[in-house]
Amino acid sequence: MSAVHKYRPEAVILLGDFSLEVPLENYFRTIIGMTQIYWIPGNHDFDSTAGHENLLHSAFSYNNLLNNVVELGELRIAGLGGIFMGRIWMPGEIPNG
């Protein structure tokens, strides 16, 4: 937060695995209105119902960059995330046929 107060960036981008106990905006009250706040969820943001709700239903839900692109000044930022679940992608040994 102190860096936002000192440098006044156009935006900050938060990178997943937040483990939120309260809605996302509660952690950033001191910089709301000073900068744009974007985020990309991490794989652990879906471990609990509360964490999921506090992120995806927060006041910043519209700034989710996952699979989206935003232009900030001369930069184009793409939110490319991925959730790899071994039990789905590698459910066990593959038979040799």
PDB file of N, CA and C in Angstrom:
ATOM      1  N   MET A   1       0.819  -1.176   0.000  1.00  0.00           N
ATOM      2  CA  MET A   1       0.000   0.000   0.000  1.00  0.00           C
ATOM      3  C   MET A   1       0.874   1.254   0.000  1.00  0.00           C
ATOM      4  N   SER A   2       1.981   1.187   0.718  1.00  0.00           N
ATOM      5  CA  SER A   2       2.843   2.366   0.794  1.00  0.00           C
ATOM      6  C   SER A   2       3.424   2.710  -0.572  1.00  0.00           C
ATOM      7  N   ALA A   3       3.695   1.699  -1.403  1.00  0.00           N
ATOM      8  CA  ALA A   3       4.221   1.968  -2.743  1.00  0.00           C
ATOM      9  C   ALA A   3       3.187   2.691  -3.597  1.00  0.00           C
ATOM     10  N   VAL A   4       1.916   2.360  -3.445  1.00  0.00           N
ATOM     11  CA  VAL A   4       0.858   3.056  -4.190  1.00  0.00           C
ATOM     12  C   VAL A   4       0.779   4.505  -3.735  1.00  0.00           C
ATOM     13  N   HIS A   5       0.846   4.734  -2.444  1.00  0.00           N
ATOM     14  CA  HIS A   5       0.812   6.104  -1.923  1.00  0.00           C
ATOM     15  C   HIS A   5       2.027   6.902  -2.399  1.00  0.00           C
ATOM     16  N   LYS A   6       3.179   6.264  -2.470  1.00  0.00           N
ATOM     17  CA  LYS A   6       4.414   6.959  -2.852  1.00  0.00           C
ATOM     18  C   LYS A   6       4.527   7.187  -4.356  1.00  0.00           C
ATOM     19  N   TYR A   7       4.253   6.148  -5.160  1.00  0.00           N
ATOM     20  CA  TYR A   7       4.508   6.219  -6.599  1.00  0.00           C
ATOM     21  C   TYR A   7       3.282   6.527  -7.450  1.00  0.00           C
ATOM     22  N   ARG A   8       2.093   6.387  -6.902  1.00  0.00           N
ATOM     23  CA  ARG A   8       0.841   6.674  -7.615  1.00  0.00           C
ATOM     24  C   ARG A   8       0.757   5.980  -8.981  1.00  0.00           C
ATOM     25  N   PRO A   9       0.864   4.647  -9.022  1.00  0.00           N
ATOM     26  CA  PRO A   9       0.782   3.944 -10.309  1.00  0.00           C
ATOM     27  C   PRO A   9      -0.626   4.026 -10.889  1.00  0.00           C
ATOM     28  N   GLU A  10      -0.686   3.880 -12.203  1.00  0.00           N
ATOM     29  CA  GLU A  10      -1.994   3.865 -12.871  1.00  0.00           C
ATOM     30  C   GLU A  10      -2.806   2.655 -12.420  1.00  0.00           C
ATOM     31  N   ALA A  11      -2.106   1.540 -12.162  1.00  0.00           N
ATOM     32  CA  ALA A  11      -2.807   0.314 -11.765  1.00  0.00           C
ATOM     33  C   ALA A  11      -1.880  -0.588 -10.967  1.00  0.00           C
ATOM     34  N   VAL A  12      -2.491  -1.481 -10.211  1.00  0.00           N
ATOM     35  CA  VAL A  12      -1.769  -2.586  -9.581  1.00  0.00           C
ATOM     36  C   VAL A  12      -2.461  -3.869 -10.028  1.00  0.00           C
ATOM     37  N   ILE A  13      -1.667  -4.923 -10.166  1.00  0.00           N
ATOM     38  CA  ILE A  13      -2.204  -6.214 -10.588  1.00  0.00           C
ATOM     39  C   ILE A  13      -1.822  -7.239  -9.528  1.00  0.00           C
ATOM     40  N   LEU A  14      -2.817  -7.862  -8.947  1.00  0.00           N
ATOM     41  CA  LEU A  14      -2.633  -8.834  -7.873  1.00  0.00           C
ATOM     42  C   LEU A  14      -2.632 -10.239  -8.462  1.00  0.00           C
ATOM     43  N   LEU A  15      -1.708 -11.070  -8.016  1.00  0.00           N
ATOM     44  CA  LEU A  15      -1.511 -12.380  -8.621  1.00  0.00           C
ATOM     45  C   LEU A  15      -1.827 -13.537  -7.680  1.00  0.00           C
ATOM     46  N   GLY A  16      -3.051 -13.877  -7.579  1.00  0.00           N
ATOM     47  CA  GLY A  16      -3.589 -15.092  -6.994  1.00  0.00           C
ATOM     48  C   GLY A  16      -3.113 -15.646  -5.677  1.00  0.00           C
ATOM     49  N   ASP A  17      -3.779 -16.725  -5.284  1.00  0.00           N
ATOM     50  CA  ASP A  17      -3.573 -17.418  -4.017  1.00  0.00           C
ATOM     51  C   ASP A  17      -3.717 -16.461  -2.838  1.00  0.00           C
ATOM     52  N   PHE A  18      -4.854 -15.792  -2.784  1.00  0.00           N
ATOM     53  CA  PHE A  18      -5.087 -14.740  -1.801  1.00  0.00           C
ATOM     54  C   PHE A  18      -5.470 -15.253  -0.413  1.00  0.00           C
ATOM     55  N   SER A  19      -6.118 -16.399  -0.303  1.00  0.00           N
ATOM     56  CA  SER A  19      -6.601 -16.926   0.987  1.00  0.00           C
ATOM     57  C   SER A  19      -7.424 -15.877   1.730  1.00  0.00           C
ATOM     58  N   LEU A  20      -8.446 -15.382   1.078  1.00  0.00           N
ATOM     59  CA  LEU A  20      -9.246 -14.274   1.611  1.00  0.00           C
ATOM     60  C   LEU A  20     -10.202 -14.711   2.709  1.00  0.00           C
ATOM     61  N   GLU A  21     -10.155 -14.011   3.812  1.00  0.00           N
ATOM     62  CA  GLU A  21     -11.101 -14.240   4.905  1.00  0.00           C
ATOM     63  C   GLU A  21     -12.252 -13.247   4.862  1.00  0.00           C
ATOM     64  N   VAL A  22     -12.052 -12.144   4.146  1.00  0.00           N
ATOM     65  CA  VAL A  22     -13.081 -11.116   3.935  1.00  0.00           C
ATOM     66  C   VAL A  22     -13.011 -10.718   2.466  1.00  0.00           C
ATOM     67  N   PRO A  23     -14.012 -10.009   1.933  1.00  0.00           N
ATOM     68  CA  PRO A  23     -13.970  -9.611   0.528  1.00  0.00           C
ATOM     69  C   PRO A  23     -12.685  -8.848   0.172  1.00  0.00           C
ATOM     70  N   LEU A  24     -12.209  -9.064  -1.025  1.00  0.00           N
ATOM     71  CA  LEU A  24     -10.942  -8.508  -1.503  1.00  0.00           C
ATOM     72  C   LEU A  24     -10.800  -7.015  -1.237  1.00  0.00           C
ATOM     73  N   GLU A  25     -11.853  -6.256  -1.463  1.00  0.00           N
ATOM     74  CA  GLU A  25     -11.752  -4.798  -1.315  1.00  0.00           C
ATOM     75  C   GLU A  25     -11.422  -4.370   0.116  1.00  0.00           C
ATOM     76  N   ASN A  26     -11.741  -5.192   1.091  1.00  0.00           N
ATOM     77  CA  ASN A  26     -11.443  -4.837   2.487  1.00  0.00           C
ATOM     78  C   ASN A  26      -9.945  -4.698   2.743  1.00  0.00           C
ATOM     79  N   TYR A  27      -9.132  -5.422   1.988  1.00  0.00           N
ATOM     80  CA  TYR A  27      -7.684  -5.368   2.162  1.00  0.00           C
ATOM     81  C   TYR A  27      -7.066  -4.136   1.498  1.00  0.00           C
ATOM     82  N   PHE A  28      -7.806  -3.483   0.625  1.00  0.00           N
ATOM     83  CA  PHE A  28      -7.240  -2.395  -0.177  1.00  0.00           C
ATOM     84  C   PHE A  28      -7.962  -1.068  -0.003  1.00  0.00           C
ATOM     85  N   ARG A  29      -8.647  -0.902   1.099  1.00  0.00           N
ATOM     86  CA  ARG A  29      -9.431   0.319   1.335  1.00  0.00           C
ATOM     87  C   ARG A  29      -8.601   1.589   1.212  1.00  0.00           C
ATOM     88  N   THR A  30      -7.349   1.555   1.633  1.00  0.00           N
ATOM     89  CA  THR A  30      -6.533   2.773   1.642  1.00  0.00           C
ATOM     90  C   THR A  30      -6.094   3.224   0.256  1.00  0.00           C
ATOM     91  N   ILE A  31      -6.249   2.356  -0.753  1.00  0.00           N
ATOM     92  CA  ILE A  31      -5.844   2.770  -2.102  1.00  0.00           C
ATOM     93  C   ILE A  31      -7.002   2.807  -3.097  1.00  0.00           C
ATOM     94  N   ILE A  32      -8.199   2.449  -2.659  1.00  0.00           N
ATOM     95  CA  ILE A  32      -9.354   2.517  -3.559  1.00  0.00           C
ATOM     96  C   ILE A  32      -9.528   3.964  -4.003  1.00  0.00           C
ATOM     97  N   GLY A  33      -9.632   4.159  -5.302  1.00  0.00           N
ATOM     98  CA  GLY A  33      -9.772   5.496  -5.862  1.00  0.00           C
ATOM     99  C   GLY A  33      -8.445   6.139  -6.231  1.00  0.00           C
ATOM    100  N   MET A  34      -7.329   5.581  -5.759  1.00  0.00           N
ATOM    101  CA  MET A  34      -6.007   6.111  -6.085  1.00  0.00           C
ATOM    102  C   MET A  34      -5.415   5.444  -7.319  1.00  0.00           C
ATOM    103  N   THR A  35      -5.816   4.214  -7.572  1.00  0.00           N
ATOM    104  CA  THR A  35      -5.257   3.422  -8.657  1.00  0.00           C
ATOM    105  C   THR A  35      -6.290   2.378  -9.068  1.00  0.00           C
ATOM    106  N   GLN A  36      -6.138   1.839 -10.253  1.00  0.00           N
ATOM    107  CA  GLN A  36      -7.000   0.741 -10.675  1.00  0.00           C
ATOM    108  C   GLN A  36      -6.443  -0.551 -10.065  1.00  0.00           C
ATOM    109  N   ILE A  37      -7.323  -1.426  -9.637  1.00  0.00           N
ATOM    110  CA  ILE A  37      -6.900  -2.672  -9.000  1.00  0.00           C
ATOM    111  C   ILE A  37      -7.438  -3.848  -9.811  1.00  0.00           C
ATOM    112  N   TYR A  38      -6.508  -4.603 -10.421  1.00  0.00           N
ATOM    113  CA  TYR A  38      -6.852  -5.783 -11.208  1.00  0.00           C
ATOM    114  C   TYR A  38      -6.297  -7.011 -10.497  1.00  0.00           C
ATOM    115  N   TRP A  39      -6.816  -8.168 -10.839  1.00  0.00           N
ATOM    116  CA  TRP A  39      -6.345  -9.397 -10.210  1.00  0.00           C
ATOM    117  C   TRP A  39      -6.534 -10.599 -11.125  1.00  0.00           C
ATOM    118  N   ILE A  40      -5.722 -11.614 -10.860  1.00  0.00           N
ATOM    119  CA  ILE A  40      -5.819 -12.905 -11.537  1.00  0.00           C
ATOM    120  C   ILE A  40      -5.893 -13.957 -10.428  1.00  0.00           C
ATOM    121  N   PRO A  41      -6.894 -14.823 -10.438  1.00  0.00           N
ATOM    122  CA  PRO A  41      -6.984 -15.825  -9.370  1.00  0.00           C
ATOM    123  C   PRO A  41      -5.892 -16.883  -9.495  1.00  0.00           C
ATOM    124  N   GLY A  42      -5.543 -17.458  -8.376  1.00  0.00           N
ATOM    125  CA  GLY A  42      -4.606 -18.571  -8.345  1.00  0.00           C
ATOM    126  C   GLY A  42      -5.348 -19.864  -8.048  1.00  0.00           C
ATOM    127  N   ASN A  43      -4.656 -20.963  -8.143  1.00  0.00           N
ATOM    128  CA  ASN A  43      -5.319 -22.255  -7.951  1.00  0.00           C
ATOM    129  C   ASN A  43      -5.878 -22.425  -6.542  1.00  0.00           C
ATOM    130  N   HIS A  44      -5.286 -21.815  -5.538  1.00  0.00           N
ATOM    131  CA  HIS A  44      -5.778 -21.985  -4.166  1.00  0.00           C
ATOM    132  C   HIS A  44      -6.959 -21.074  -3.833  1.00  0.00           C
ATOM    133  N   ASP A  45      -7.309 -20.180  -4.723  1.00  0.00           N
ATOM    134  CA  ASP A  45      -8.461 -19.312  -4.483  1.00  0.00           C
ATOM    135  C   ASP A  45      -9.779 -20.066  -4.605  1.00  0.00           C
ATOM    136  N   PHE A  46      -9.717 -21.306  -5.024  1.00  0.00           N
ATOM    137  CA  PHE A  46     -10.921 -22.115  -5.174  1.00  0.00           C
ATOM    138  C   PHE A  46     -10.952 -23.280  -4.181  1.00  0.00           C
ATOM    139  N   ASP A  47     -10.049 -23.245  -3.203  1.00  0.00           N
ATOM    140  CA  ASP A  47      -9.985 -24.312  -2.198  1.00  0.00           C
ATOM    141  C   ASP A  47     -11.132 -24.263  -1.198  1.00  0.00           C
ATOM    142  N   SER A  48     -11.656 -23.071  -0.944  1.00  0.00           N
ATOM    143  CA  SER A  48     -12.753 -22.951   0.023  1.00  0.00           C
ATOM    144  C   SER A  48     -13.870 -22.097  -0.564  1.00  0.00           C
ATOM    145  N   THR A  49     -15.068 -22.346  -0.115  1.00  0.00           N
ATOM    146  CA  THR A  49     -16.215 -21.557  -0.569  1.00  0.00           C
ATOM    147  C   THR A  49     -16.043 -20.101  -0.175  1.00  0.00           C
ATOM    148  N   ALA A  50     -15.581 -19.839   1.040  1.00  0.00           N
ATOM    149  CA  ALA A  50     -15.411 -18.458   1.510  1.00  0.00           C
ATOM    150  C   ALA A  50     -14.379 -17.716   0.669  1.00  0.00           C
ATOM    151  N   GLY A  51     -13.243 -18.336   0.393  1.00  0.00           N
ATOM    152  CA  GLY A  51     -12.213 -17.703  -0.430  1.00  0.00           C
ATOM    153  C   GLY A  51     -12.722 -17.384  -1.819  1.00  0.00           C
ATOM    154  N   HIS A  52     -13.443 -18.321  -2.393  1.00  0.00           N
ATOM    155  CA  HIS A  52     -14.040 -18.150  -3.716  1.00  0.00           C
ATOM    156  C   HIS A  52     -15.027 -16.989  -3.710  1.00  0.00           C
ATOM    157  N   GLU A  53     -15.927 -16.971  -2.746  1.00  0.00           N
ATOM    158  CA  GLU A  53     -16.949 -15.910  -2.647  1.00  0.00           C
ATOM    159  C   GLU A  53     -16.309 -14.548  -2.402  1.00  0.00           C
ATOM    160  N   ASN A  54     -15.313 -14.487  -1.514  1.00  0.00           N
ATOM    161  CA  ASN A  54     -14.676 -13.219  -1.176  1.00  0.00           C
ATOM    162  C   ASN A  54     -13.877 -12.633  -2.324  1.00  0.00           C
ATOM    163  N   LEU A  55     -13.561 -13.438  -3.297  1.00  0.00           N
ATOM    164  CA  LEU A  55     -12.846 -12.963  -4.478  1.00  0.00           C
ATOM    165  C   LEU A  55     -13.809 -12.674  -5.625  1.00  0.00           C
ATOM    166  N   LEU A  56     -14.547 -13.686  -6.040  1.00  0.00           N
ATOM    167  CA  LEU A  56     -15.386 -13.546  -7.232  1.00  0.00           C
ATOM    168  C   LEU A  56     -16.640 -12.708  -7.018  1.00  0.00           C
ATOM    169  N   HIS A  57     -17.017 -12.482  -5.772  1.00  0.00           N
ATOM    170  CA  HIS A  57     -18.189 -11.654  -5.496  1.00  0.00           C
ATOM    171  C   HIS A  57     -17.806 -10.364  -4.777  1.00  0.00           C
ATOM    172  N   SER A  58     -16.536  -9.989  -4.878  1.00  0.00           N
ATOM    173  CA  SER A  58     -16.062  -8.764  -4.238  1.00  0.00           C
ATOM    174  C   SER A  58     -16.424  -7.555  -5.099  1.00  0.00           C
ATOM    175  N   ALA A  59     -16.188  -6.376  -4.560  1.00  0.00           N
ATOM    176  CA  ALA A  59     -16.425  -5.141  -5.318  1.00  0.00           C
ATOM    177  C   ALA A  59     -15.484  -5.038  -6.515  1.00  0.00           C
ATOM    178  N   PHE A  60     -14.397  -5.818  -6.508  1.00  0.00           N
ATOM    179  CA  PHE A  60     -13.447  -5.810  -7.623  1.00  0.00           C
ATOM    180  C   PHE A  60     -13.692  -6.953  -8.606  1.00  0.00           C
ATOM    181  N   SER A  61     -14.802  -7.627  -8.515  1.00  0.00           N
ATOM    182  CA  SER A  61     -15.050  -8.781  -9.380  1.00  0.00           C
ATOM    183  C   SER A  61     -14.971  -8.414 -10.861  1.00  0.00           C
ATOM    184  N   TYR A  62     -15.325  -7.202 -11.203  1.00  0.00           N
ATOM    185  CA  TYR A  62     -15.290  -6.748 -12.596  1.00  0.00           C
ATOM    186  C   TYR A  62     -13.866  -6.552 -13.106  1.00  0.00           C
ATOM    187  N   ASN A  63     -12.859  -6.552 -12.225  1.00  0.00           N
ATOM    188  CA  ASN A  63     -11.468  -6.365 -12.639  1.00  0.00           C
ATOM    189  C   ASN A  63     -10.679  -7.670 -12.655  1.00  0.00           C
ATOM    190  N   ASN A  64     -11.379  -8.774 -12.825  1.00  0.00           N
ATOM    191  CA  ASN A  64     -10.751 -10.081 -12.949  1.00  0.00           C
ATOM    192  C   ASN A  64     -10.103 -10.166 -14.327  1.00  0.00           C
ATOM    193  N   LEU A  65      -8.795 -10.330 -14.375  1.00  0.00           N
ATOM    194  CA  LEU A  65      -8.085 -10.390 -15.653  1.00  0.00           C
ATOM    195  C   LEU A  65      -7.996 -11.789 -16.248  1.00  0.00           C
ATOM    196  N   LEU A  66      -8.471 -12.803 -15.538  1.00  0.00           N
ATOM    197  CA  LEU A  66      -8.365 -14.161 -16.057  1.00  0.00           C
ATOM    198  C   LEU A  66      -9.036 -14.251 -17.422  1.00  0.00           C
ATOM    199  N   ASN A  67      -8.256 -14.628 -18.419  1.00  0.00           N
ATOM    200  CA  ASN A  67      -8.725 -14.755 -19.804  1.00  0.00           C
ATOM    201  C   ASN A  67      -9.257 -13.443 -20.364  1.00  0.00           C
ATOM    202  N   ASN A  68      -8.733 -12.332 -19.877  1.00  0.00           N
ATOM    203  CA  ASN A  68      -9.109 -11.008 -20.366  1.00  0.00           C
ATOM    204  C   ASN A  68      -7.858 -10.196 -20.664  1.00  0.00           C
ATOM    205  N   VAL A  69      -8.048  -9.095 -21.364  1.00  0.00           N
ATOM    206  CA  VAL A  69      -6.955  -8.182 -21.705  1.00  0.00           C
ATOM    207  C   VAL A  69      -7.385  -6.777 -21.335  1.00  0.00           C
ATOM    208  N   VAL A  70      -6.447  -6.000 -20.794  1.00  0.00           N
ATOM    209  CA  VAL A  70      -6.715  -4.608 -20.466  1.00  0.00           C
ATOM    210  C   VAL A  70      -5.541  -3.773 -20.987  1.00  0.00           C
ATOM    211  N   GLU A  71      -5.834  -2.579 -21.470  1.00  0.00           N
ATOM    212  CA  GLU A  71      -4.783  -1.672 -21.909  1.00  0.00           C
ATOM    213  C   GLU A  71      -4.558  -0.628 -20.836  1.00  0.00           C
ATOM    214  N   LEU A  72      -3.309  -0.518 -20.404  1.00  0.00           N
ATOM    215  CA  LEU A  72      -2.910   0.460 -19.400  1.00  0.00           C
ATOM    216  C   LEU A  72      -1.803   1.306 -20.008  1.00  0.00           C
ATOM    217  N   GLY A  73      -2.129   2.534 -20.348  1.00  0.00           N
ATOM    218  CA  GLY A  73      -1.153   3.364 -21.041  1.00  0.00           C
ATOM    219  C   GLY A  73      -0.804   2.713 -22.359  1.00  0.00           C
ATOM    220  N   GLU A  74       0.487   2.479 -22.574  1.00  0.00           N
ATOM    221  CA  GLU A  74       0.941   1.839 -23.809  1.00  0.00           C
ATOM    222  C   GLU A  74       1.100   0.326 -23.663  1.00  0.00           C
ATOM    223  N   LEU A  75       0.732  -0.205 -22.524  1.00  0.00           N
ATOM    224  CA  LEU A  75       0.856  -1.643 -22.285  1.00  0.00           C
ATOM    225  C   LEU A  75      -0.472  -2.355 -22.488  1.00  0.00           C
ATOM    226  N   ARG A  76      -0.388  -3.554 -22.990  1.00  0.00           N
ATOM    227  CA  ARG A  76      -1.548  -4.437 -23.075  1.00  0.00           C
ATOM    228  C   ARG A  76      -1.253  -5.621 -22.159  1.00  0.00           C
ATOM    229  N   ILE A  77      -2.074  -5.779 -21.128  1.00  0.00           N
ATOM    230  CA  ILE A  77      -1.867  -6.812 -20.120  1.00  0.00           C
ATOM    231  C   ILE A  77      -2.886  -7.925 -20.338  1.00  0.00           C
ATOM    232  N   ALA A  78      -2.388  -9.157 -20.482  1.00  0.00           N
ATOM    233  CA  ALA A  78      -3.265 -10.319 -20.649  1.00  0.00           C
ATOM    234  C   ALA A  78      -3.217 -11.154 -19.380  1.00  0.00           C
ATOM    235  N   GLY A  79      -4.376 -11.523 -18.893  1.00  0.00           N
ATOM    236  CA  GLY A  79      -4.473 -12.346 -17.688  1.00  0.00           C
ATOM    237  C   GLY A  79      -4.561 -13.808 -18.058  1.00  0.00           C
ATOM    238  N   LEU A  80      -3.430 -14.472 -18.067  1.00  0.00           N
ATOM    239  CA  LEU A  80      -3.385 -15.888 -18.418  1.00  0.00           C
ATOM    240  C   LEU A  80      -3.075 -16.686 -17.168  1.00  0.00           C
ATOM    241  N   GLY A  81      -4.048 -17.376 -16.680  1.00  0.00           N
ATOM    242  CA  GLY A  81      -3.853 -18.206 -15.499  1.00  0.00           C
ATOM    243  C   GLY A  81      -4.181 -19.631 -15.851  1.00  0.00           C
ATOM    244  N   GLY A  82      -3.958 -20.483 -14.926  1.00  0.00           N
ATOM    245  CA  GLY A  82      -4.302 -21.874 -15.159  1.00  0.00           C
ATOM    246  C   GLY A  82      -4.412 -22.604 -13.849  1.00  0.00           C
ATOM    247  N   ILE A  83      -5.317 -23.510 -13.821  1.00  0.00           N
ATOM    248  CA  ILE A  83      -5.474 -24.340 -12.639  1.00  0.00           C
ATOM    249  C   ILE A  83      -5.235 -25.771 -13.076  1.00  0.00           C
ATOM    250  N   PHE A  84      -4.199 -26.364 -12.541  1.00  0.00           N
ATOM    251  CA  PHE A  84      -3.844 -27.730 -12.890  1.00  0.00           C
ATOM    252  C   PHE A  84      -4.247 -28.631 -11.736  1.00  0.00           C
ATOM    253  N   MET A  85      -5.135 -29.545 -12.010  1.00  0.00           N
ATOM    254  CA  MET A  85      -5.559 -30.493 -10.985  1.00  0.00           C
ATOM    255  C   MET A  85      -5.125 -31.885 -11.428  1.00  0.00           C
ATOM    256  N   GLY A  86      -4.101 -32.380 -10.775  1.00  0.00           N
ATOM    257  CA  GLY A  86      -3.539 -33.669 -11.139  1.00  0.00           C
ATOM    258  C   GLY A  86      -4.549 -34.789 -11.186  1.00  0.00           C
ATOM    259  N   ARG A  87      -5.500 -34.781 -10.259  1.00  0.00           N
ATOM    260  CA  ARG A  87      -6.472 -35.879 -10.229  1.00  0.00           C
ATOM    261  C   ARG A  87      -7.364 -35.883 -11.467  1.00  0.00           C
ATOM    262  N   ILE A  88      -7.449 -34.753 -12.161  1.00  0.00           N
ATOM    263  CA  ILE A  88      -8.244 -34.688 -13.383  1.00  0.00           C
ATOM    264  C   ILE A  88      -7.377 -34.975 -14.600  1.00  0.00           C
ATOM    265  N   TRP A  89      -6.222 -34.302 -14.681  1.00  0.00           N
ATOM    266  CA  TRP A  89      -5.382 -34.433 -15.865  1.00  0.00           C
ATOM    267  C   TRP A  89      -4.532 -35.692 -15.856  1.00  0.00           C
ATOM    268  N   MET A  90      -4.229 -36.200 -14.677  1.00  0.00           N
ATOM    269  CA  MET A  90      -3.420 -37.405 -14.569  1.00  0.00           C
ATOM    270  C   MET A  90      -4.069 -38.313 -13.530  1.00  0.00           C
ATOM    271  N   PRO A  91      -5.216 -38.914 -13.864  1.00  0.00           N
ATOM    272  CA  PRO A  91      -5.993 -39.668 -12.879  1.00  0.00           C
ATOM    273  C   PRO A  91      -5.365 -40.983 -12.425  1.00  0.00           C
ATOM    274  N   GLY A  92      -4.347 -41.389 -13.045  1.00  0.00           N
ATOM    275  CA  GLY A  92      -3.707 -42.664 -12.685  1.00  0.00           C
ATOM    276  C   GLY A  92      -2.813 -43.094 -13.828  1.00  0.00           C
ATOM    277  N   GLU A  93      -2.329 -44.271 -13.723  1.00  0.00           N
ATOM    278  CA  GLU A  93      -1.465 -44.766 -14.784  1.00  0.00           C
ATOM    279  C   GLU A  93      -2.263 -45.043 -16.047  1.00  0.00           C
ATOM    280  N   ILE A  94      -1.643 -44.726 -17.160  1.00  0.00           N
ATOM    281  CA  ILE A  94      -2.264 -44.974 -18.458  1.00  0.00           C
ATOM    282  C   ILE A  94      -1.892 -46.395 -18.887  1.00  0.00           C
ATOM    283  N   PRO A  95      -2.873 -47.199 -19.256  1.00  0.00           N
ATOM    284  CA  PRO A  95      -2.572 -48.571 -19.694  1.00  0.00           C
ATOM    285  C   PRO A  95      -1.683 -48.566 -20.935  1.00  0.00           C
ATOM    286  N   ASN A  96      -0.822 -49.550 -21.044  1.00  0.00           N
ATOM    287  CA  ASN A  96       0.094 -49.643 -22.183  1.00  0.00           C
ATOM    288  C   ASN A  96      -0.576 -50.169 -23.442  1.00  0.00           C
ATOM    289  N   GLY A  97      -1.818 -50.551 -23.345  1.00  0.00           N
ATOM    290  CA  GLY A  97      -2.575 -50.983 -24.511  1.00  0.00           C
ATOM    291  C   GLY A  97      -2.167 -52.266 -25.019  1.00  0.00           C
TER     292      GLY A  97
END
